[in-house]
Amino acid sequence: MSEPRSGQREQGRYGFEAFDCAPALRLEAHERVSTLHIDNLNRRAEKLEALVEKLEKRLWLGVYGVVAVILGQAFQSIVTAVPLVGLP
């Protein structure tokens, strides 16, 4: 008989080599793939959140711009409608 290889695998019982069962290996592989999928989904969600924040900033900038134009026109019409009192 051949001698057991030391250093490659742990010895289970005397005379038998330790082994990995196929269902456990499939389960571990599935867990690794699931972890990768979840990490990828989290990364995509973070990117979408960043894009939504940028879009929201642009939207508010546009709203403030429109309000500024309306207030500027209102102020200009008030200034032109009121006669200047006390000027020669």
PDB file of N, CA and C in Angstrom:
ATOM      1  N   MET A   1       0.824  -1.184   0.000  1.00  0.00           N
ATOM      2  CA  MET A   1       0.000   0.000   0.000  1.00  0.00           C
ATOM      3  C   MET A   1       0.868   1.246   0.000  1.00  0.00           C
ATOM      4  N   SER A   2       0.322   2.309  -0.520  1.00  0.00           N
ATOM      5  CA  SER A   2       1.070   3.561  -0.556  1.00  0.00           C
ATOM      6  C   SER A   2       0.878   4.307   0.758  1.00  0.00           C
ATOM      7  N   GLU A   3       1.856   5.103   1.083  1.00  0.00           N
ATOM      8  CA  GLU A   3       1.781   5.876   2.313  1.00  0.00           C
ATOM      9  C   GLU A   3       0.894   7.098   2.081  1.00  0.00           C
ATOM     10  N   PRO A   4       0.155   7.527   3.095  1.00  0.00           N
ATOM     11  CA  PRO A   4      -0.680   8.724   2.937  1.00  0.00           C
ATOM     12  C   PRO A   4       0.180   9.957   2.710  1.00  0.00           C
ATOM     13  N   ARG A   5      -0.307  10.832   1.853  1.00  0.00           N
ATOM     14  CA  ARG A   5       0.425  12.063   1.534  1.00  0.00           C
ATOM     15  C   ARG A   5       0.240  13.063   2.663  1.00  0.00           C
ATOM     16  N   SER A   6       1.294  13.473   3.260  1.00  0.00           N
ATOM     17  CA  SER A   6       1.190  14.436   4.364  1.00  0.00           C
ATOM     18  C   SER A   6       1.252  15.858   3.798  1.00  0.00           C
ATOM     19  N   GLY A   7       0.516  16.755   4.428  1.00  0.00           N
ATOM     20  CA  GLY A   7       0.563  18.152   4.023  1.00  0.00           C
ATOM     21  C   GLY A   7      -0.479  18.521   2.986  1.00  0.00           C
ATOM     22  N   GLN A   8      -1.024  17.567   2.229  1.00  0.00           N
ATOM     23  CA  GLN A   8      -2.016  17.914   1.215  1.00  0.00           C
ATOM     24  C   GLN A   8      -3.410  17.976   1.809  1.00  0.00           C
ATOM     25  N   ARG A   9      -3.775  17.021   2.600  1.00  0.00           N
ATOM     26  CA  ARG A   9      -5.101  16.991   3.203  1.00  0.00           C
ATOM     27  C   ARG A   9      -4.977  16.526   4.640  1.00  0.00           C
ATOM     28  N   GLU A  10      -5.953  16.922   5.419  1.00  0.00           N
ATOM     29  CA  GLU A  10      -5.965  16.478   6.800  1.00  0.00           C
ATOM     30  C   GLU A  10      -6.397  15.006   6.843  1.00  0.00           C
ATOM     31  N   GLN A  11      -5.938  14.327   7.826  1.00  0.00           N
ATOM     32  CA  GLN A  11      -6.331  12.935   8.004  1.00  0.00           C
ATOM     33  C   GLN A  11      -7.638  12.912   8.784  1.00  0.00           C
ATOM     34  N   GLY A  12      -8.643  12.237   8.234  1.00  0.00           N
ATOM     35  CA  GLY A  12      -9.923  12.109   8.922  1.00  0.00           C
ATOM     36  C   GLY A  12      -9.816  11.017   9.974  1.00  0.00           C
ATOM     37  N   ARG A  13     -10.005   9.799   9.564  1.00  0.00           N
ATOM     38  CA  ARG A  13      -9.810   8.643  10.431  1.00  0.00           C
ATOM     39  C   ARG A  13      -8.548   7.927   9.962  1.00  0.00           C
ATOM     40  N   TYR A  14      -8.049   7.120  10.794  1.00  0.00           N
ATOM     41  CA  TYR A  14      -6.827   6.410  10.440  1.00  0.00           C
ATOM     42  C   TYR A  14      -7.056   5.537   9.214  1.00  0.00           C
ATOM     43  N   GLY A  15      -6.246   5.741   8.218  1.00  0.00           N
ATOM     44  CA  GLY A  15      -6.329   4.927   7.019  1.00  0.00           C
ATOM     45  C   GLY A  15      -7.182   5.523   5.920  1.00  0.00           C
ATOM     46  N   PHE A  16      -7.936   6.575   6.226  1.00  0.00           N
ATOM     47  CA  PHE A  16      -8.791   7.199   5.221  1.00  0.00           C
ATOM     48  C   PHE A  16      -8.373   8.650   5.016  1.00  0.00           C
ATOM     49  N   GLU A  17      -8.415   9.094   3.779  1.00  0.00           N
ATOM     50  CA  GLU A  17      -8.129  10.494   3.498  1.00  0.00           C
ATOM     51  C   GLU A  17      -9.393  11.320   3.714  1.00  0.00           C
ATOM     52  N   ALA A  18      -9.203  12.560   4.148  1.00  0.00           N
ATOM     53  CA  ALA A  18     -10.343  13.470   4.266  1.00  0.00           C
ATOM     54  C   ALA A  18     -10.807  13.843   2.871  1.00  0.00           C
ATOM     55  N   PHE A  19     -12.090  14.063   2.705  1.00  0.00           N
ATOM     56  CA  PHE A  19     -12.622  14.419   1.396  1.00  0.00           C
ATOM     57  C   PHE A  19     -13.731  15.450   1.556  1.00  0.00           C
ATOM     58  N   ASP A  20     -13.975  16.161   0.492  1.00  0.00           N
ATOM     59  CA  ASP A  20     -15.076  17.123   0.458  1.00  0.00           C
ATOM     60  C   ASP A  20     -16.224  16.485  -0.295  1.00  0.00           C
ATOM     61  N   CYS A  21     -17.425  16.611   0.255  1.00  0.00           N
ATOM     62  CA  CYS A  21     -18.563  16.019  -0.441  1.00  0.00           C
ATOM     63  C   CYS A  21     -19.100  17.011  -1.471  1.00  0.00           C
ATOM     64  N   ALA A  22     -19.638  16.474  -2.529  1.00  0.00           N
ATOM     65  CA  ALA A  22     -20.089  17.307  -3.650  1.00  0.00           C
ATOM     66  C   ALA A  22     -21.210  18.269  -3.271  1.00  0.00           C
ATOM     67  N   PRO A  23     -22.234  17.874  -2.492  1.00  0.00           N
ATOM     68  CA  PRO A  23     -23.281  18.853  -2.145  1.00  0.00           C
ATOM     69  C   PRO A  23     -22.748  20.042  -1.359  1.00  0.00           C
ATOM     70  N   ALA A  24     -21.781  19.789  -0.480  1.00  0.00           N
ATOM     71  CA  ALA A  24     -21.219  20.908   0.285  1.00  0.00           C
ATOM     72  C   ALA A  24     -20.446  21.848  -0.622  1.00  0.00           C
ATOM     73  N   LEU A  25     -19.729  21.295  -1.591  1.00  0.00           N
ATOM     74  CA  LEU A  25     -18.987  22.132  -2.533  1.00  0.00           C
ATOM     75  C   LEU A  25     -19.945  22.954  -3.389  1.00  0.00           C
ATOM     76  N   ARG A  26     -21.054  22.355  -3.812  1.00  0.00           N
ATOM     77  CA  ARG A  26     -22.042  23.088  -4.609  1.00  0.00           C
ATOM     78  C   ARG A  26     -22.655  24.207  -3.784  1.00  0.00           C
ATOM     79  N   LEU A  27     -22.938  23.927  -2.518  1.00  0.00           N
ATOM     80  CA  LEU A  27     -23.523  24.938  -1.643  1.00  0.00           C
ATOM     81  C   LEU A  27     -22.551  26.097  -1.432  1.00  0.00           C
ATOM     82  N   GLU A  28     -21.280  25.795  -1.201  1.00  0.00           N
ATOM     83  CA  GLU A  28     -20.286  26.856  -1.033  1.00  0.00           C
ATOM     84  C   GLU A  28     -20.141  27.690  -2.295  1.00  0.00           C
ATOM     85  N   ALA A  29     -20.150  27.034  -3.451  1.00  0.00           N
ATOM     86  CA  ALA A  29     -20.046  27.770  -4.719  1.00  0.00           C
ATOM     87  C   ALA A  29     -21.258  28.664  -4.916  1.00  0.00           C
ATOM     88  N   HIS A  30     -22.445  28.136  -4.578  1.00  0.00           N
ATOM     89  CA  HIS A  30     -23.663  28.935  -4.706  1.00  0.00           C
ATOM     90  C   HIS A  30     -23.621  30.141  -3.766  1.00  0.00           C
ATOM     91  N   GLU A  31     -23.121  29.943  -2.561  1.00  0.00           N
ATOM     92  CA  GLU A  31     -23.008  31.055  -1.616  1.00  0.00           C
ATOM     93  C   GLU A  31     -22.047  32.125  -2.128  1.00  0.00           C
ATOM     94  N   ARG A  32     -20.936  31.712  -2.716  1.00  0.00           N
ATOM     95  CA  ARG A  32     -19.981  32.684  -3.279  1.00  0.00           C
ATOM     96  C   ARG A  32     -20.605  33.463  -4.429  1.00  0.00           C
ATOM     97  N   VAL A  33     -21.331  32.759  -5.306  1.00  0.00           N
ATOM     98  CA  VAL A  33     -21.981  33.429  -6.441  1.00  0.00           C
ATOM     99  C   VAL A  33     -23.055  34.389  -5.932  1.00  0.00           C
ATOM    100  N   SER A  34     -23.821  33.952  -4.935  1.00  0.00           N
ATOM    101  CA  SER A  34     -24.860  34.817  -4.369  1.00  0.00           C
ATOM    102  C   SER A  34     -24.249  36.065  -3.744  1.00  0.00           C
ATOM    103  N   THR A  35     -23.129  35.897  -3.067  1.00  0.00           N
ATOM    104  CA  THR A  35     -22.447  37.043  -2.460  1.00  0.00           C
ATOM    105  C   THR A  35     -21.979  38.023  -3.533  1.00  0.00           C
ATOM    106  N   LEU A  36     -21.448  37.486  -4.626  1.00  0.00           N
ATOM    107  CA  LEU A  36     -21.016  38.358  -5.723  1.00  0.00           C
ATOM    108  C   LEU A  36     -22.199  39.111  -6.322  1.00  0.00           C
ATOM    109  N   HIS A  37     -23.328  38.424  -6.492  1.00  0.00           N
ATOM    110  CA  HIS A  37     -24.518  39.076  -7.046  1.00  0.00           C
ATOM    111  C   HIS A  37     -25.003  40.190  -6.122  1.00  0.00           C
ATOM    112  N   ILE A  38     -25.050  39.909  -4.838  1.00  0.00           N
ATOM    113  CA  ILE A  38     -25.530  40.905  -3.881  1.00  0.00           C
ATOM    114  C   ILE A  38     -24.596  42.112  -3.846  1.00  0.00           C
ATOM    115  N   ASP A  39     -23.288  41.861  -3.858  1.00  0.00           N
ATOM    116  CA  ASP A  39     -22.332  42.972  -3.879  1.00  0.00           C
ATOM    117  C   ASP A  39     -22.498  43.819  -5.137  1.00  0.00           C
ATOM    118  N   ASN A  40     -22.704  43.161  -6.264  1.00  0.00           N
ATOM    119  CA  ASN A  40     -22.898  43.872  -7.526  1.00  0.00           C
ATOM    120  C   ASN A  40     -24.185  44.699  -7.489  1.00  0.00           C
ATOM    121  N   LEU A  41     -25.260  44.128  -6.941  1.00  0.00           N
ATOM    122  CA  LEU A  41     -26.513  44.874  -6.822  1.00  0.00           C
ATOM    123  C   LEU A  41     -26.353  46.084  -5.898  1.00  0.00           C
ATOM    124  N   ASN A  42     -25.626  45.907  -4.809  1.00  0.00           N
ATOM    125  CA  ASN A  42     -25.390  47.042  -3.897  1.00  0.00           C
ATOM    126  C   ASN A  42     -24.600  48.141  -4.588  1.00  0.00           C
ATOM    127  N   ARG A  43     -23.594  47.760  -5.378  1.00  0.00           N
ATOM    128  CA  ARG A  43     -22.815  48.763  -6.117  1.00  0.00           C
ATOM    129  C   ARG A  43     -23.703  49.513  -7.106  1.00  0.00           C
ATOM    130  N   ARG A  44     -24.557  48.786  -7.806  1.00  0.00           N
ATOM    131  CA  ARG A  44     -25.464  49.437  -8.762  1.00  0.00           C
ATOM    132  C   ARG A  44     -26.430  50.371  -8.056  1.00  0.00           C
ATOM    133  N   ALA A  45     -26.939  49.955  -6.897  1.00  0.00           N
ATOM    134  CA  ALA A  45     -27.860  50.814  -6.138  1.00  0.00           C
ATOM    135  C   ALA A  45     -27.165  52.090  -5.686  1.00  0.00           C
ATOM    136  N   GLU A  46     -25.905  51.990  -5.265  1.00  0.00           N
ATOM    137  CA  GLU A  46     -25.163  53.182  -4.861  1.00  0.00           C
ATOM    138  C   GLU A  46     -24.949  54.125  -6.033  1.00  0.00           C
ATOM    139  N   LYS A  47     -24.661  53.564  -7.209  1.00  0.00           N
ATOM    140  CA  LYS A  47     -24.492  54.403  -8.401  1.00  0.00           C
ATOM    141  C   LYS A  47     -25.798  55.107  -8.756  1.00  0.00           C
ATOM    142  N   LEU A  48     -26.914  54.368  -8.670  1.00  0.00           N
ATOM    143  CA  LEU A  48     -28.208  54.981  -8.970  1.00  0.00           C
ATOM    144  C   LEU A  48     -28.538  56.091  -7.980  1.00  0.00           C
ATOM    145  N   GLU A  49     -28.229  55.883  -6.706  1.00  0.00           N
ATOM    146  CA  GLU A  49     -28.468  56.920  -5.712  1.00  0.00           C
ATOM    147  C   GLU A  49     -27.645  58.170  -6.016  1.00  0.00           C
ATOM    148  N   ALA A  50     -26.408  57.986  -6.415  1.00  0.00           N
ATOM    149  CA  ALA A  50     -25.562  59.136  -6.752  1.00  0.00           C
ATOM    150  C   ALA A  50     -26.125  59.882  -7.963  1.00  0.00           C
ATOM    151  N   LEU A  51     -26.598  59.141  -8.975  1.00  0.00           N
ATOM    152  CA  LEU A  51     -27.178  59.785 -10.150  1.00  0.00           C
ATOM    153  C   LEU A  51     -28.459  60.534  -9.801  1.00  0.00           C
ATOM    154  N   VAL A  52     -29.270  59.963  -8.925  1.00  0.00           N
ATOM    155  CA  VAL A  52     -30.510  60.636  -8.516  1.00  0.00           C
ATOM    156  C   VAL A  52     -30.182  61.920  -7.749  1.00  0.00           C
ATOM    157  N   GLU A  53     -29.162  61.867  -6.901  1.00  0.00           N
ATOM    158  CA  GLU A  53     -28.765  63.080  -6.176  1.00  0.00           C
ATOM    159  C   GLU A  53     -28.296  64.171  -7.127  1.00  0.00           C
ATOM    160  N   LYS A  54     -27.514  63.803  -8.143  1.00  0.00           N
ATOM    161  CA  LYS A  54     -27.074  64.788  -9.133  1.00  0.00           C
ATOM    162  C   LYS A  54     -28.270  65.374  -9.873  1.00  0.00           C
ATOM    163  N   LEU A  55     -29.201  64.525 -10.266  1.00  0.00           N
ATOM    164  CA  LEU A  55     -30.385  64.986 -10.982  1.00  0.00           C
ATOM    165  C   LEU A  55     -31.223  65.914 -10.104  1.00  0.00           C
ATOM    166  N   GLU A  56     -31.321  65.577  -8.829  1.00  0.00           N
ATOM    167  CA  GLU A  56     -32.084  66.415  -7.908  1.00  0.00           C
ATOM    168  C   GLU A  56     -31.432  67.784  -7.755  1.00  0.00           C
ATOM    169  N   LYS A  57     -30.104  67.831  -7.675  1.00  0.00           N
ATOM    170  CA  LYS A  57     -29.412  69.118  -7.583  1.00  0.00           C
ATOM    171  C   LYS A  57     -29.668  69.966  -8.821  1.00  0.00           C
ATOM    172  N   ARG A  58     -29.602  69.334  -9.997  1.00  0.00           N
ATOM    173  CA  ARG A  58     -29.861  70.072 -11.232  1.00  0.00           C
ATOM    174  C   ARG A  58     -31.301  70.577 -11.285  1.00  0.00           C
ATOM    175  N   LEU A  59     -32.220  69.758 -10.827  1.00  0.00           N
ATOM    176  CA  LEU A  59     -33.626  70.160 -10.819  1.00  0.00           C
ATOM    177  C   LEU A  59     -33.836  71.373  -9.925  1.00  0.00           C
ATOM    178  N   TRP A  60     -33.268  71.344  -8.707  1.00  0.00           N
ATOM    179  CA  TRP A  60     -33.423  72.476  -7.808  1.00  0.00           C
ATOM    180  C   TRP A  60     -32.732  73.721  -8.345  1.00  0.00           C
ATOM    181  N   LEU A  61     -31.616  73.552  -9.031  1.00  0.00           N
ATOM    182  CA  LEU A  61     -30.944  74.698  -9.647  1.00  0.00           C
ATOM    183  C   LEU A  61     -31.855  75.326 -10.702  1.00  0.00           C
ATOM    184  N   GLY A  62     -32.523  74.493 -11.480  1.00  0.00           N
ATOM    185  CA  GLY A  62     -33.469  75.006 -12.478  1.00  0.00           C
ATOM    186  C   GLY A  62     -34.647  75.715 -11.835  1.00  0.00           C
ATOM    187  N   VAL A  63     -35.165  75.133 -10.749  1.00  0.00           N
ATOM    188  CA  VAL A  63     -36.296  75.766 -10.050  1.00  0.00           C
ATOM    189  C   VAL A  63     -35.878  77.119  -9.500  1.00  0.00           C
ATOM    190  N   TYR A  64     -34.726  77.181  -8.863  1.00  0.00           N
ATOM    191  CA  TYR A  64     -34.256  78.459  -8.325  1.00  0.00           C
ATOM    192  C   TYR A  64     -33.996  79.471  -9.440  1.00  0.00           C
ATOM    193  N   GLY A  65     -33.522  79.016 -10.588  1.00  0.00           N
ATOM    194  CA  GLY A  65     -33.307  79.915 -11.718  1.00  0.00           C
ATOM    195  C   GLY A  65     -34.610  80.512 -12.217  1.00  0.00           C
ATOM    196  N   VAL A  66     -35.636  79.679 -12.340  1.00  0.00           N
ATOM    197  CA  VAL A  66     -36.948  80.176 -12.793  1.00  0.00           C
ATOM    198  C   VAL A  66     -37.523  81.158 -11.789  1.00  0.00           C
ATOM    199  N   VAL A  67     -37.419  80.853 -10.506  1.00  0.00           N
ATOM    200  CA  VAL A  67     -37.928  81.763  -9.469  1.00  0.00           C
ATOM    201  C   VAL A  67     -37.161  83.086  -9.514  1.00  0.00           C
ATOM    202  N   ALA A  68     -35.856  83.028  -9.728  1.00  0.00           N
ATOM    203  CA  ALA A  68     -35.064  84.258  -9.796  1.00  0.00           C
ATOM    204  C   ALA A  68     -35.486  85.115 -10.984  1.00  0.00           C
ATOM    205  N   VAL A  69     -35.753  84.497 -12.122  1.00  0.00           N
ATOM    206  CA  VAL A  69     -36.189  85.259 -13.302  1.00  0.00           C
ATOM    207  C   VAL A  69     -37.541  85.907 -13.045  1.00  0.00           C
ATOM    208  N   ILE A  70     -38.455  85.157 -12.452  1.00  0.00           N
ATOM    209  CA  ILE A  70     -39.797  85.715 -12.173  1.00  0.00           C
ATOM    210  C   ILE A  70     -39.691  86.867 -11.181  1.00  0.00           C
ATOM    211  N   LEU A  71     -38.916  86.701 -10.128  1.00  0.00           N
ATOM    212  CA  LEU A  71     -38.757  87.789  -9.153  1.00  0.00           C
ATOM    213  C   LEU A  71     -38.056  88.995  -9.775  1.00  0.00           C
ATOM    214  N   GLY A  72     -37.094  88.759 -10.635  1.00  0.00           N
ATOM    215  CA  GLY A  72     -36.418  89.869 -11.314  1.00  0.00           C
ATOM    216  C   GLY A  72     -37.372  90.649 -12.202  1.00  0.00           C
ATOM    217  N   GLN A  73     -38.220  89.943 -12.947  1.00  0.00           N
ATOM    218  CA  GLN A  73     -39.196  90.634 -13.803  1.00  0.00           C
ATOM    219  C   GLN A  73     -40.202  91.403 -12.959  1.00  0.00           C
ATOM    220  N   ALA A  74     -40.636  90.816 -11.832  1.00  0.00           N
ATOM    221  CA  ALA A  74     -41.590  91.513 -10.958  1.00  0.00           C
ATOM    222  C   ALA A  74     -40.950  92.772 -10.382  1.00  0.00           C
ATOM    223  N   PHE A  75     -39.721  92.677  -9.939  1.00  0.00           N
ATOM    224  CA  PHE A  75     -39.032  93.846  -9.392  1.00  0.00           C
ATOM    225  C   PHE A  75     -38.848  94.915 -10.460  1.00  0.00           C
ATOM    226  N   GLN A  76     -38.499  94.488 -11.678  1.00  0.00           N
ATOM    227  CA  GLN A  76     -38.305  95.452 -12.765  1.00  0.00           C
ATOM    228  C   GLN A  76     -39.617  96.155 -13.104  1.00  0.00           C
ATOM    229  N   SER A  77     -40.721  95.443 -13.115  1.00  0.00           N
ATOM    230  CA  SER A  77     -42.003  96.085 -13.433  1.00  0.00           C
ATOM    231  C   SER A  77     -42.433  97.030 -12.322  1.00  0.00           C
ATOM    232  N   ILE A  78     -42.113  96.695 -11.075  1.00  0.00           N
ATOM    233  CA  ILE A  78     -42.444  97.598  -9.961  1.00  0.00           C
ATOM    234  C   ILE A  78     -41.600  98.861 -10.048  1.00  0.00           C
ATOM    235  N   VAL A  79     -40.325  98.721 -10.368  1.00  0.00           N
ATOM    236  CA  VAL A  79     -39.436  99.888 -10.453  1.00  0.00           C
ATOM    237  C   VAL A  79     -39.874 100.809 -11.589  1.00  0.00           C
ATOM    238  N   THR A  80     -40.287 100.260 -12.716  1.00  0.00           N
ATOM    239  CA  THR A  80     -40.697 101.110 -13.836  1.00  0.00           C
ATOM    240  C   THR A  80     -42.079 101.710 -13.611  1.00  0.00           C
ATOM    241  N   ALA A  81     -42.931 101.082 -12.823  1.00  0.00           N
ATOM    242  CA  ALA A  81     -44.282 101.592 -12.592  1.00  0.00           C
ATOM    243  C   ALA A  81     -44.310 102.711 -11.560  1.00  0.00           C
ATOM    244  N   VAL A  82     -43.437 102.666 -10.586  1.00  0.00           N
ATOM    245  CA  VAL A  82     -43.443 103.674  -9.516  1.00  0.00           C
ATOM    246  C   VAL A  82     -42.607 104.862  -9.989  1.00  0.00           C
ATOM    247  N   PRO A  83     -43.195 106.063 -10.008  1.00  0.00           N
ATOM    248  CA  PRO A  83     -42.402 107.225 -10.411  1.00  0.00           C
ATOM    249  C   PRO A  83     -41.406 107.597  -9.300  1.00  0.00           C
ATOM    250  N   LEU A  84     -40.299 108.102  -9.737  1.00  0.00           N
ATOM    251  CA  LEU A  84     -39.287 108.498  -8.788  1.00  0.00           C
ATOM    252  C   LEU A  84     -39.693 109.836  -8.180  1.00  0.00           C
ATOM    253  N   VAL A  85     -39.834 109.847  -6.882  1.00  0.00           N
ATOM    254  CA  VAL A  85     -40.298 111.041  -6.187  1.00  0.00           C
ATOM    255  C   VAL A  85     -39.089 111.836  -5.715  1.00  0.00           C
ATOM    256  N   GLY A  86     -39.149 113.106  -5.907  1.00  0.00           N
ATOM    257  CA  GLY A  86     -38.134 113.997  -5.387  1.00  0.00           C
ATOM    258  C   GLY A  86     -36.971 114.251  -6.319  1.00  0.00           C
ATOM    259  N   LEU A  87     -36.965 113.711  -7.489  1.00  0.00           N
ATOM    260  CA  LEU A  87     -35.875 113.979  -8.416  1.00  0.00           C
ATOM    261  C   LEU A  87     -36.284 115.137  -9.323  1.00  0.00           C
ATOM    262  N   PRO A  88     -35.364 116.064  -9.592  1.00  0.00           N
ATOM    263  CA  PRO A  88     -35.693 117.221 -10.446  1.00  0.00           C
ATOM    264  C   PRO A  88     -35.889 116.882 -11.883  1.00  0.00           C
TER     265      PRO A  88
END
